[in-house]
Amino acid sequence: MKTRSIGGIAFDIANYLFMLSVLLVMTLPFIYVISYSLSSPNLLKGGLILFPEGFTLDSFKRAFGDPAVLTGAGISVARTVIGPAVMLFFTSMAGYVLTRSELIGVKVFRKYFIYTLYFSSGIIPMYLLMGYLQLKGTFLIYIVPGAISVFNMVLIKTYIEALPSELGEAAVVDGANDLQLFFKVIFPVCTPVFAAVVLFDIVNQWNAFMDVQIYNTMSPGLHSLQYVLYNMLNQYNSMEQLKQNMQSQAISPQTFKMATTVITVLPIACVYPFLQKYFIKGLLVGSVKG
């Protein structure tokens, strides 16, 4: 058996202590937010809170008491499910096509897509375009503009190019066409990169706020959960609401903010652990070649 040196043992101990401190730094803010949202305002005295002071769910009841919250949750869930699925379907096919060097003009298409990563039209032309396409005030405004993601396309293209060429050659010899080659051969082995890009888009769709504010402000039935909670925070921060709260002391603007933070963060926090290993693999796409 190999004997460990004192320096090696000291290094391991220092490494463990460092990683433990990083874990605490990352975990304590979440514990603080959850504990604060479950505490009674009249018992809070400031400082770091690791356990609820006077456990109460009044802040969450206030948040879910508005019917708009349930509608917003439905919109957020719908766009978080449909948006990434549509994005993956179109973006993965586009990424696969760009790997086919025999395609006429493929180099021009590659440069065209890369160009869009560096330059954009801006908000006003985009707003005018969405109006011309009659997407404003519709649910499709959350899906269609993000159906193609060039950044995700580049990741998928890089991953496919790293696959053994024998996979495609064997399928072609067996008589597979391009669609069969992609869906039956390439698609099943691209799980890591697909999971990574889907996770990217899930987070973006769930946290989306600006597209609601720009295009669907006048359509309350299409407001996302984040936008509904934002409006509730603004309403609750008014002087009238503050006076009512001081009389009842059931909740405070700060506990309500913490509760809304928990509501918006918790779903993503629950999904992320299941996709973490694929997320890490997807981030390493193209970093190692051999």
C-alpha atoms as a PDB file:
ATOM      1  CA  MET A   1       0.000   0.000   0.000  1.00  0.00           C
ATOM      2  CA  LYS A   2       1.222   3.466  -0.831  1.00  0.00           C
ATOM      3  CA  THR A   3       1.939   5.639   2.211  1.00  0.00           C
ATOM      4  CA  ARG A   4       0.476   9.120   2.119  1.00  0.00           C
ATOM      5  CA  SER A   5       2.825  11.976   2.932  1.00  0.00           C
ATOM      6  CA  ILE A   6       2.008  14.582   5.551  1.00  0.00           C
ATOM      7  CA  GLY A   7       1.886  17.224   2.824  1.00  0.00           C
ATOM      8  CA  GLY A   8      -0.642  15.197   0.824  1.00  0.00           C
ATOM      9  CA  ILE A   9      -2.886  14.668   3.834  1.00  0.00           C
ATOM     10  CA  ALA A  10      -2.688  18.372   4.716  1.00  0.00           C
ATOM     11  CA  PHE A  11      -3.601  19.253   1.130  1.00  0.00           C
ATOM     12  CA  ASP A  12      -6.661  16.970   1.218  1.00  0.00           C
ATOM     13  CA  ILE A  13      -7.817  18.482   4.508  1.00  0.00           C
ATOM     14  CA  ALA A  14      -7.373  22.008   3.170  1.00  0.00           C
ATOM     15  CA  ASN A  15      -9.211  21.035  -0.022  1.00  0.00           C
ATOM     16  CA  TYR A  16     -12.137  19.560   1.933  1.00  0.00           C
ATOM     17  CA  LEU A  17     -12.364  22.644   4.143  1.00  0.00           C
ATOM     18  CA  PHE A  18     -12.305  24.929   1.115  1.00  0.00           C
ATOM     19  CA  MET A  19     -15.060  22.984  -0.678  1.00  0.00           C
ATOM     20  CA  LEU A  20     -17.105  22.939   2.531  1.00  0.00           C
ATOM     21  CA  SER A  21     -16.817  26.719   2.796  1.00  0.00           C
ATOM     22  CA  VAL A  22     -17.926  27.068  -0.843  1.00  0.00           C
ATOM     23  CA  LEU A  23     -20.914  24.827  -0.096  1.00  0.00           C
ATOM     24  CA  LEU A  24     -21.879  26.971   2.882  1.00  0.00           C
ATOM     25  CA  VAL A  25     -21.539  30.201   0.906  1.00  0.00           C
ATOM     26  CA  MET A  26     -23.840  28.816  -1.799  1.00  0.00           C
ATOM     27  CA  THR A  27     -26.364  27.192   0.550  1.00  0.00           C
ATOM     28  CA  LEU A  28     -26.839  29.778   3.291  1.00  0.00           C
ATOM     29  CA  PRO A  29     -28.559  32.381   1.058  1.00  0.00           C
ATOM     30  CA  PHE A  30     -31.206  29.818   0.051  1.00  0.00           C
ATOM     31  CA  ILE A  31     -31.757  28.789   3.662  1.00  0.00           C
ATOM     32  CA  TYR A  32     -32.050  32.442   4.647  1.00  0.00           C
ATOM     33  CA  VAL A  33     -34.633  33.221   1.946  1.00  0.00           C
ATOM     34  CA  ILE A  34     -36.777  30.180   2.789  1.00  0.00           C
ATOM     35  CA  SER A  35     -36.612  30.801   6.545  1.00  0.00           C
ATOM     36  CA  TYR A  36     -37.431  34.493   6.123  1.00  0.00           C
ATOM     37  CA  SER A  37     -40.442  33.751   3.923  1.00  0.00           C
ATOM     38  CA  LEU A  38     -41.827  31.366   6.563  1.00  0.00           C
ATOM     39  CA  SER A  39     -41.336  33.780   9.480  1.00  0.00           C
ATOM     40  CA  SER A  40     -43.732  36.190  11.185  1.00  0.00           C
ATOM     41  CA  PRO A  41     -42.683  39.827  10.581  1.00  0.00           C
ATOM     42  CA  ASN A  42     -43.272  40.891  14.188  1.00  0.00           C
ATOM     43  CA  LEU A  43     -40.756  38.286  15.414  1.00  0.00           C
ATOM     44  CA  LEU A  44     -37.974  39.147  12.993  1.00  0.00           C
ATOM     45  CA  LYS A  45     -35.122  41.082  14.567  1.00  0.00           C
ATOM     46  CA  GLY A  46     -32.711  41.262  11.667  1.00  0.00           C
ATOM     47  CA  GLY A  47     -29.512  39.359  11.044  1.00  0.00           C
ATOM     48  CA  LEU A  48     -28.999  35.910   9.561  1.00  0.00           C
ATOM     49  CA  ILE A  49     -31.974  33.548   9.958  1.00  0.00           C
ATOM     50  CA  LEU A  50     -31.425  29.807   9.594  1.00  0.00           C
ATOM     51  CA  PHE A  51     -34.795  28.710  11.019  1.00  0.00           C
ATOM     52  CA  PRO A  52     -38.247  30.334  10.691  1.00  0.00           C
ATOM     53  CA  GLU A  53     -39.198  32.714  13.491  1.00  0.00           C
ATOM     54  CA  GLY A  54     -42.864  32.063  14.286  1.00  0.00           C
ATOM     55  CA  PHE A  55     -43.650  29.658  11.445  1.00  0.00           C
ATOM     56  CA  THR A  56     -46.406  30.945   9.144  1.00  0.00           C
ATOM     57  CA  LEU A  57     -47.525  30.433   5.551  1.00  0.00           C
ATOM     58  CA  ASP A  58     -49.340  33.769   5.274  1.00  0.00           C
ATOM     59  CA  SER A  59     -46.931  35.138   2.655  1.00  0.00           C
ATOM     60  CA  PHE A  60     -47.455  32.098   0.428  1.00  0.00           C
ATOM     61  CA  LYS A  61     -51.221  32.225   0.981  1.00  0.00           C
ATOM     62  CA  ARG A  62     -51.155  35.865  -0.109  1.00  0.00           C
ATOM     63  CA  ALA A  63     -49.174  34.964  -3.216  1.00  0.00           C
ATOM     64  CA  PHE A  64     -51.404  32.053  -4.236  1.00  0.00           C
ATOM     65  CA  GLY A  65     -54.587  33.831  -3.183  1.00  0.00           C
ATOM     66  CA  ASP A  66     -54.684  35.796  -6.426  1.00  0.00           C
ATOM     67  CA  PRO A  67     -56.257  33.849  -9.357  1.00  0.00           C
ATOM     68  CA  ALA A  68     -53.756  35.537 -11.668  1.00  0.00           C
ATOM     69  CA  VAL A  69     -50.985  33.540 -10.005  1.00  0.00           C
ATOM     70  CA  LEU A  70     -52.515  30.222 -11.073  1.00  0.00           C
ATOM     71  CA  THR A  71     -53.027  31.554 -14.596  1.00  0.00           C
ATOM     72  CA  GLY A  72     -49.445  32.832 -14.682  1.00  0.00           C
ATOM     73  CA  ALA A  73     -48.153  29.494 -13.392  1.00  0.00           C
ATOM     74  CA  GLY A  74     -50.014  27.717 -16.174  1.00  0.00           C
ATOM     75  CA  ILE A  75     -48.522  30.033 -18.808  1.00  0.00           C
ATOM     76  CA  SER A  76     -45.017  29.635 -17.371  1.00  0.00           C
ATOM     77  CA  VAL A  77     -45.318  25.840 -17.262  1.00  0.00           C
ATOM     78  CA  ALA A  78     -46.730  25.710 -20.796  1.00  0.00           C
ATOM     79  CA  ARG A  79     -43.978  27.847 -22.301  1.00  0.00           C
ATOM     80  CA  THR A  80     -41.323  26.003 -20.284  1.00  0.00           C
ATOM     81  CA  VAL A  81     -42.504  22.666 -21.714  1.00  0.00           C
ATOM     82  CA  ILE A  82     -43.440  23.638 -25.286  1.00  0.00           C
ATOM     83  CA  GLY A  83     -40.664  26.181 -25.897  1.00  0.00           C
ATOM     84  CA  PRO A  84     -37.665  23.878 -25.249  1.00  0.00           C
ATOM     85  CA  ALA A  85     -39.317  21.016 -27.158  1.00  0.00           C
ATOM     86  CA  VAL A  86     -39.848  23.184 -30.250  1.00  0.00           C
ATOM     87  CA  MET A  87     -36.366  24.670 -29.906  1.00  0.00           C
ATOM     88  CA  LEU A  88     -34.746  21.240 -29.679  1.00  0.00           C
ATOM     89  CA  PHE A  89     -36.636  19.919 -32.698  1.00  0.00           C
ATOM     90  CA  PHE A  90     -35.690  22.724 -35.095  1.00  0.00           C
ATOM     91  CA  THR A  91     -32.281  23.614 -33.671  1.00  0.00           C
ATOM     92  CA  SER A  92     -31.038  20.019 -33.605  1.00  0.00           C
ATOM     93  CA  MET A  93     -32.026  19.467 -37.244  1.00  0.00           C
ATOM     94  CA  ALA A  94     -30.352  22.720 -38.273  1.00  0.00           C
ATOM     95  CA  GLY A  95     -27.208  21.770 -36.355  1.00  0.00           C
ATOM     96  CA  TYR A  96     -27.142  18.372 -38.059  1.00  0.00           C
ATOM     97  CA  VAL A  97     -27.535  19.900 -41.523  1.00  0.00           C
ATOM     98  CA  LEU A  98     -24.580  22.225 -40.907  1.00  0.00           C
ATOM     99  CA  THR A  99     -22.364  19.195 -40.283  1.00  0.00           C
ATOM    100  CA  ARG A 100     -22.975  17.877 -43.800  1.00  0.00           C
ATOM    101  CA  SER A 101     -20.008  19.190 -45.776  1.00  0.00           C
ATOM    102  CA  GLU A 102     -21.494  17.911 -49.054  1.00  0.00           C
ATOM    103  CA  LEU A 103     -24.367  20.402 -48.753  1.00  0.00           C
ATOM    104  CA  ILE A 104     -24.079  23.124 -51.400  1.00  0.00           C
ATOM    105  CA  GLY A 105     -23.295  26.470 -49.752  1.00  0.00           C
ATOM    106  CA  VAL A 106     -22.949  25.000 -46.264  1.00  0.00           C
ATOM    107  CA  LYS A 107     -19.998  27.295 -45.480  1.00  0.00           C
ATOM    108  CA  VAL A 108     -22.121  30.332 -46.331  1.00  0.00           C
ATOM    109  CA  PHE A 109     -24.903  29.126 -44.031  1.00  0.00           C
ATOM    110  CA  ARG A 110     -22.425  28.567 -41.207  1.00  0.00           C
ATOM    111  CA  LYS A 111     -21.070  32.109 -41.519  1.00  0.00           C
ATOM    112  CA  TYR A 112     -24.597  33.495 -41.737  1.00  0.00           C
ATOM    113  CA  PHE A 113     -25.644  31.889 -38.462  1.00  0.00           C
ATOM    114  CA  ILE A 114     -22.408  32.849 -36.679  1.00  0.00           C
ATOM    115  CA  TYR A 115     -22.947  36.452 -37.803  1.00  0.00           C
ATOM    116  CA  THR A 116     -26.204  36.584 -35.813  1.00  0.00           C
ATOM    117  CA  LEU A 117     -24.280  35.792 -32.615  1.00  0.00           C
ATOM    118  CA  TYR A 118     -22.395  39.077 -32.866  1.00  0.00           C
ATOM    119  CA  PHE A 119     -25.031  41.420 -34.281  1.00  0.00           C
ATOM    120  CA  SER A 120     -28.750  41.825 -33.608  1.00  0.00           C
ATOM    121  CA  SER A 121     -31.421  44.111 -35.002  1.00  0.00           C
ATOM    122  CA  GLY A 122     -32.409  45.598 -31.628  1.00  0.00           C
ATOM    123  CA  ILE A 123     -35.668  45.844 -29.722  1.00  0.00           C
ATOM    124  CA  ILE A 124     -37.573  48.252 -31.995  1.00  0.00           C
ATOM    125  CA  PRO A 125     -37.110  46.316 -35.272  1.00  0.00           C
ATOM    126  CA  MET A 126     -37.925  43.121 -33.391  1.00  0.00           C
ATOM    127  CA  TYR A 127     -41.082  44.684 -31.985  1.00  0.00           C
ATOM    128  CA  LEU A 128     -42.156  45.838 -35.443  1.00  0.00           C
ATOM    129  CA  LEU A 129     -41.440  42.405 -36.910  1.00  0.00           C
ATOM    130  CA  MET A 130     -43.506  40.623 -34.247  1.00  0.00           C
ATOM    131  CA  GLY A 131     -46.358  43.040 -34.952  1.00  0.00           C
ATOM    132  CA  TYR A 132     -46.097  42.397 -38.692  1.00  0.00           C
ATOM    133  CA  LEU A 133     -46.218  38.647 -38.050  1.00  0.00           C
ATOM    134  CA  GLN A 134     -49.260  39.192 -35.773  1.00  0.00           C
ATOM    135  CA  LEU A 135     -47.587  37.434 -32.860  1.00  0.00           C
ATOM    136  CA  LYS A 136     -48.164  40.193 -30.311  1.00  0.00           C
ATOM    137  CA  GLY A 137     -50.900  39.339 -27.852  1.00  0.00           C
ATOM    138  CA  THR A 138     -50.580  35.604 -28.568  1.00  0.00           C
ATOM    139  CA  PHE A 139     -48.949  32.668 -26.812  1.00  0.00           C
ATOM    140  CA  LEU A 140     -46.828  31.999 -29.906  1.00  0.00           C
ATOM    141  CA  ILE A 141     -44.710  35.054 -29.098  1.00  0.00           C
ATOM    142  CA  TYR A 142     -43.088  32.902 -26.399  1.00  0.00           C
ATOM    143  CA  ILE A 143     -42.366  30.015 -28.782  1.00  0.00           C
ATOM    144  CA  VAL A 144     -41.662  31.193 -32.337  1.00  0.00           C
ATOM    145  CA  PRO A 145     -38.782  33.683 -31.740  1.00  0.00           C
ATOM    146  CA  GLY A 146     -36.886  31.055 -29.750  1.00  0.00           C
ATOM    147  CA  ALA A 147     -37.522  28.146 -32.114  1.00  0.00           C
ATOM    148  CA  ILE A 148     -33.957  28.515 -33.401  1.00  0.00           C
ATOM    149  CA  SER A 149     -31.078  29.190 -31.015  1.00  0.00           C
ATOM    150  CA  VAL A 150     -27.780  29.717 -32.811  1.00  0.00           C
ATOM    151  CA  PHE A 151     -25.729  29.219 -29.650  1.00  0.00           C
ATOM    152  CA  ASN A 152     -27.409  25.866 -28.991  1.00  0.00           C
ATOM    153  CA  MET A 153     -27.068  25.022 -32.663  1.00  0.00           C
ATOM    154  CA  VAL A 154     -23.305  25.474 -32.466  1.00  0.00           C
ATOM    155  CA  LEU A 155     -23.142  23.198 -29.411  1.00  0.00           C
ATOM    156  CA  ILE A 156     -25.166  20.491 -31.170  1.00  0.00           C
ATOM    157  CA  LYS A 157     -23.151  20.818 -34.376  1.00  0.00           C
ATOM    158  CA  THR A 158     -19.882  20.482 -32.462  1.00  0.00           C
ATOM    159  CA  TYR A 159     -21.129  17.414 -30.607  1.00  0.00           C
ATOM    160  CA  ILE A 160     -22.321  15.685 -33.786  1.00  0.00           C
ATOM    161  CA  GLU A 161     -19.027  16.375 -35.535  1.00  0.00           C
ATOM    162  CA  ALA A 162     -17.212  14.613 -32.678  1.00  0.00           C
ATOM    163  CA  LEU A 163     -19.220  11.409 -33.217  1.00  0.00           C
ATOM    164  CA  PRO A 164     -17.572   8.535 -35.141  1.00  0.00           C
ATOM    165  CA  SER A 165     -18.262   8.867 -38.855  1.00  0.00           C
ATOM    166  CA  GLU A 166     -18.793   5.104 -39.023  1.00  0.00           C
ATOM    167  CA  LEU A 167     -22.225   5.551 -37.401  1.00  0.00           C
ATOM    168  CA  GLY A 168     -23.581   7.460 -40.366  1.00  0.00           C
ATOM    169  CA  GLU A 169     -21.748   5.397 -42.932  1.00  0.00           C
ATOM    170  CA  ALA A 170     -23.174   2.126 -41.594  1.00  0.00           C
ATOM    171  CA  ALA A 171     -26.711   3.549 -41.640  1.00  0.00           C
ATOM    172  CA  VAL A 172     -26.314   4.793 -45.215  1.00  0.00           C
ATOM    173  CA  VAL A 173     -25.037   1.384 -46.329  1.00  0.00           C
ATOM    174  CA  ASP A 174     -28.155  -0.165 -44.773  1.00  0.00           C
ATOM    175  CA  GLY A 175     -30.313   2.149 -46.899  1.00  0.00           C
ATOM    176  CA  ALA A 176     -31.199   4.887 -44.401  1.00  0.00           C
ATOM    177  CA  ASN A 177     -32.126   8.308 -45.766  1.00  0.00           C
ATOM    178  CA  ASP A 178     -31.248  11.618 -44.090  1.00  0.00           C
ATOM    179  CA  LEU A 179     -34.313  11.690 -41.833  1.00  0.00           C
ATOM    180  CA  GLN A 180     -33.792   8.107 -40.696  1.00  0.00           C
ATOM    181  CA  LEU A 181     -30.105   8.767 -40.189  1.00  0.00           C
ATOM    182  CA  PHE A 182     -30.817  11.742 -37.948  1.00  0.00           C
ATOM    183  CA  PHE A 183     -33.750  10.454 -35.900  1.00  0.00           C
ATOM    184  CA  LYS A 184     -32.695   6.802 -35.535  1.00  0.00           C
ATOM    185  CA  VAL A 185     -28.899   7.067 -35.382  1.00  0.00           C
ATOM    186  CA  ILE A 186     -27.714  10.576 -34.492  1.00  0.00           C
ATOM    187  CA  PHE A 187     -30.540  11.727 -32.227  1.00  0.00           C
ATOM    188  CA  PRO A 188     -30.351   8.856 -29.678  1.00  0.00           C
ATOM    189  CA  VAL A 189     -26.594   9.309 -29.060  1.00  0.00           C
ATOM    190  CA  CYS A 190     -26.820  13.077 -28.546  1.00  0.00           C
ATOM    191  CA  THR A 191     -28.584  12.889 -25.170  1.00  0.00           C
ATOM    192  CA  PRO A 192     -25.892  14.810 -23.209  1.00  0.00           C
ATOM    193  CA  VAL A 193     -25.828  17.859 -25.468  1.00  0.00           C
ATOM    194  CA  PHE A 194     -29.609  17.810 -25.940  1.00  0.00           C
ATOM    195  CA  ALA A 195     -30.127  17.751 -22.167  1.00  0.00           C
ATOM    196  CA  ALA A 196     -27.716  20.669 -21.779  1.00  0.00           C
ATOM    197  CA  VAL A 197     -29.396  22.910 -24.365  1.00  0.00           C
ATOM    198  CA  VAL A 198     -32.864  21.969 -23.118  1.00  0.00           C
ATOM    199  CA  LEU A 199     -31.833  22.927 -19.587  1.00  0.00           C
ATOM    200  CA  PHE A 200     -30.542  26.261 -20.877  1.00  0.00           C
ATOM    201  CA  ASP A 201     -33.864  26.931 -22.570  1.00  0.00           C
ATOM    202  CA  ILE A 202     -35.956  25.720 -19.632  1.00  0.00           C
ATOM    203  CA  VAL A 203     -34.240  28.232 -17.358  1.00  0.00           C
ATOM    204  CA  ASN A 204     -34.646  31.013 -19.935  1.00  0.00           C
ATOM    205  CA  GLN A 205     -38.327  30.262 -20.507  1.00  0.00           C
ATOM    206  CA  TRP A 206     -39.156  29.961 -16.819  1.00  0.00           C
ATOM    207  CA  ASN A 207     -37.383  33.207 -15.912  1.00  0.00           C
ATOM    208  CA  ALA A 208     -38.569  35.109 -19.002  1.00  0.00           C
ATOM    209  CA  PHE A 209     -39.918  38.513 -18.154  1.00  0.00           C
ATOM    210  CA  MET A 210     -39.076  41.074 -20.807  1.00  0.00           C
ATOM    211  CA  ASP A 211     -41.005  39.433 -23.653  1.00  0.00           C
ATOM    212  CA  VAL A 212     -44.185  39.563 -21.536  1.00  0.00           C
ATOM    213  CA  GLN A 213     -43.590  43.201 -20.689  1.00  0.00           C
ATOM    214  CA  ILE A 214     -42.871  44.179 -24.295  1.00  0.00           C
ATOM    215  CA  TYR A 215     -45.429  42.176 -26.240  1.00  0.00           C
ATOM    216  CA  ASN A 216     -48.206  40.984 -23.908  1.00  0.00           C
ATOM    217  CA  THR A 217     -48.633  43.661 -21.255  1.00  0.00           C
ATOM    218  CA  MET A 218     -52.211  44.285 -22.399  1.00  0.00           C
ATOM    219  CA  SER A 219     -53.086  40.556 -22.356  1.00  0.00           C
ATOM    220  CA  PRO A 220     -53.481  39.532 -18.679  1.00  0.00           C
ATOM    221  CA  GLY A 221     -54.379  35.977 -19.643  1.00  0.00           C
ATOM    222  CA  LEU A 222     -50.902  35.542 -21.152  1.00  0.00           C
ATOM    223  CA  HIS A 223     -48.840  36.937 -18.279  1.00  0.00           C
ATOM    224  CA  SER A 224     -46.170  34.589 -16.987  1.00  0.00           C
ATOM    225  CA  LEU A 225     -45.771  33.784 -13.297  1.00  0.00           C
ATOM    226  CA  GLN A 226     -42.752  36.066 -12.962  1.00  0.00           C
ATOM    227  CA  TYR A 227     -44.624  39.012 -14.438  1.00  0.00           C
ATOM    228  CA  VAL A 228     -47.675  38.386 -12.226  1.00  0.00           C
ATOM    229  CA  LEU A 229     -45.519  38.268  -9.097  1.00  0.00           C
ATOM    230  CA  TYR A 230     -43.707  41.415 -10.228  1.00  0.00           C
ATOM    231  CA  ASN A 231     -47.025  43.263 -10.468  1.00  0.00           C
ATOM    232  CA  MET A 232     -48.082  41.919  -7.082  1.00  0.00           C
ATOM    233  CA  LEU A 233     -44.859  43.157  -5.516  1.00  0.00           C
ATOM    234  CA  ASN A 234     -45.387  46.614  -6.965  1.00  0.00           C
ATOM    235  CA  GLN A 235     -48.956  46.648  -5.712  1.00  0.00           C
ATOM    236  CA  TYR A 236     -48.035  45.398  -2.271  1.00  0.00           C
ATOM    237  CA  ASN A 237     -45.268  47.978  -1.910  1.00  0.00           C
ATOM    238  CA  SER A 238     -47.765  50.808  -2.170  1.00  0.00           C
ATOM    239  CA  MET A 239     -48.329  52.965   0.914  1.00  0.00           C
ATOM    240  CA  GLU A 240     -51.881  51.721   1.327  1.00  0.00           C
ATOM    241  CA  GLN A 241     -50.753  48.112   1.471  1.00  0.00           C
ATOM    242  CA  LEU A 242     -48.007  49.004   3.911  1.00  0.00           C
ATOM    243  CA  LYS A 243     -50.506  50.659   6.250  1.00  0.00           C
ATOM    244  CA  GLN A 244     -52.791  47.640   6.111  1.00  0.00           C
ATOM    245  CA  ASN A 245     -49.862  45.375   6.868  1.00  0.00           C
ATOM    246  CA  MET A 246     -48.785  47.468   9.859  1.00  0.00           C
ATOM    247  CA  GLN A 247     -52.284  47.049  11.291  1.00  0.00           C
ATOM    248  CA  SER A 248     -52.563  43.303  10.719  1.00  0.00           C
ATOM    249  CA  GLN A 249     -48.836  42.427  10.943  1.00  0.00           C
ATOM    250  CA  ALA A 250     -49.641  39.192   9.130  1.00  0.00           C
ATOM    251  CA  ILE A 251     -47.001  39.690   6.434  1.00  0.00           C
ATOM    252  CA  SER A 252     -44.584  42.374   5.349  1.00  0.00           C
ATOM    253  CA  PRO A 253     -43.266  43.449   1.944  1.00  0.00           C
ATOM    254  CA  GLN A 254     -39.954  41.759   2.743  1.00  0.00           C
ATOM    255  CA  THR A 255     -41.477  38.388   3.698  1.00  0.00           C
ATOM    256  CA  PHE A 256     -43.704  38.583   0.633  1.00  0.00           C
ATOM    257  CA  LYS A 257     -40.668  39.221  -1.584  1.00  0.00           C
ATOM    258  CA  MET A 258     -38.911  36.238  -0.068  1.00  0.00           C
ATOM    259  CA  ALA A 259     -41.986  34.053  -0.661  1.00  0.00           C
ATOM    260  CA  THR A 260     -42.197  35.077  -4.317  1.00  0.00           C
ATOM    261  CA  THR A 261     -38.483  34.355  -4.681  1.00  0.00           C
ATOM    262  CA  VAL A 262     -39.009  30.839  -3.341  1.00  0.00           C
ATOM    263  CA  ILE A 263     -41.957  30.276  -5.691  1.00  0.00           C
ATOM    264  CA  THR A 264     -39.949  31.273  -8.774  1.00  0.00           C
ATOM    265  CA  VAL A 265     -36.706  29.482  -7.864  1.00  0.00           C
ATOM    266  CA  LEU A 266     -38.021  26.211  -6.404  1.00  0.00           C
ATOM    267  CA  PRO A 267     -39.257  24.567  -9.672  1.00  0.00           C
ATOM    268  CA  ILE A 268     -35.890  25.058 -11.417  1.00  0.00           C
ATOM    269  CA  ALA A 269     -34.045  23.907  -8.309  1.00  0.00           C
ATOM    270  CA  CYS A 270     -36.083  20.695  -8.365  1.00  0.00           C
ATOM    271  CA  VAL A 271     -35.438  19.995 -12.064  1.00  0.00           C
ATOM    272  CA  TYR A 272     -31.724  20.815 -12.195  1.00  0.00           C
ATOM    273  CA  PRO A 273     -30.367  17.848 -10.159  1.00  0.00           C
ATOM    274  CA  PHE A 274     -31.892  15.354 -12.601  1.00  0.00           C
ATOM    275  CA  LEU A 275     -30.175  16.984 -15.605  1.00  0.00           C
ATOM    276  CA  GLN A 276     -26.927  18.014 -13.934  1.00  0.00           C
ATOM    277  CA  LYS A 277     -24.758  15.192 -15.296  1.00  0.00           C
ATOM    278  CA  TYR A 278     -25.959  15.845 -18.849  1.00  0.00           C
ATOM    279  CA  PHE A 279     -25.558  19.580 -18.306  1.00  0.00           C
ATOM    280  CA  ILE A 280     -21.879  19.133 -17.387  1.00  0.00           C
ATOM    281  CA  LYS A 281     -21.266  16.846 -20.373  1.00  0.00           C
ATOM    282  CA  GLY A 282     -22.884  19.378 -22.685  1.00  0.00           C
ATOM    283  CA  LEU A 283     -20.665  22.176 -21.362  1.00  0.00           C
ATOM    284  CA  LEU A 284     -17.588  20.091 -22.188  1.00  0.00           C
ATOM    285  CA  VAL A 285     -18.613  19.652 -25.823  1.00  0.00           C
ATOM    286  CA  GLY A 286     -15.586  20.233 -28.030  1.00  0.00           C
ATOM    287  CA  SER A 287     -13.176  20.721 -25.118  1.00  0.00           C
ATOM    288  CA  VAL A 288     -11.517  17.317 -25.550  1.00  0.00           C
ATOM    289  CA  LYS A 289     -10.714  15.786 -28.897  1.00  0.00           C
ATOM    290  CA  GLY A 290      -8.895  12.571 -29.529  1.00  0.00           C
END
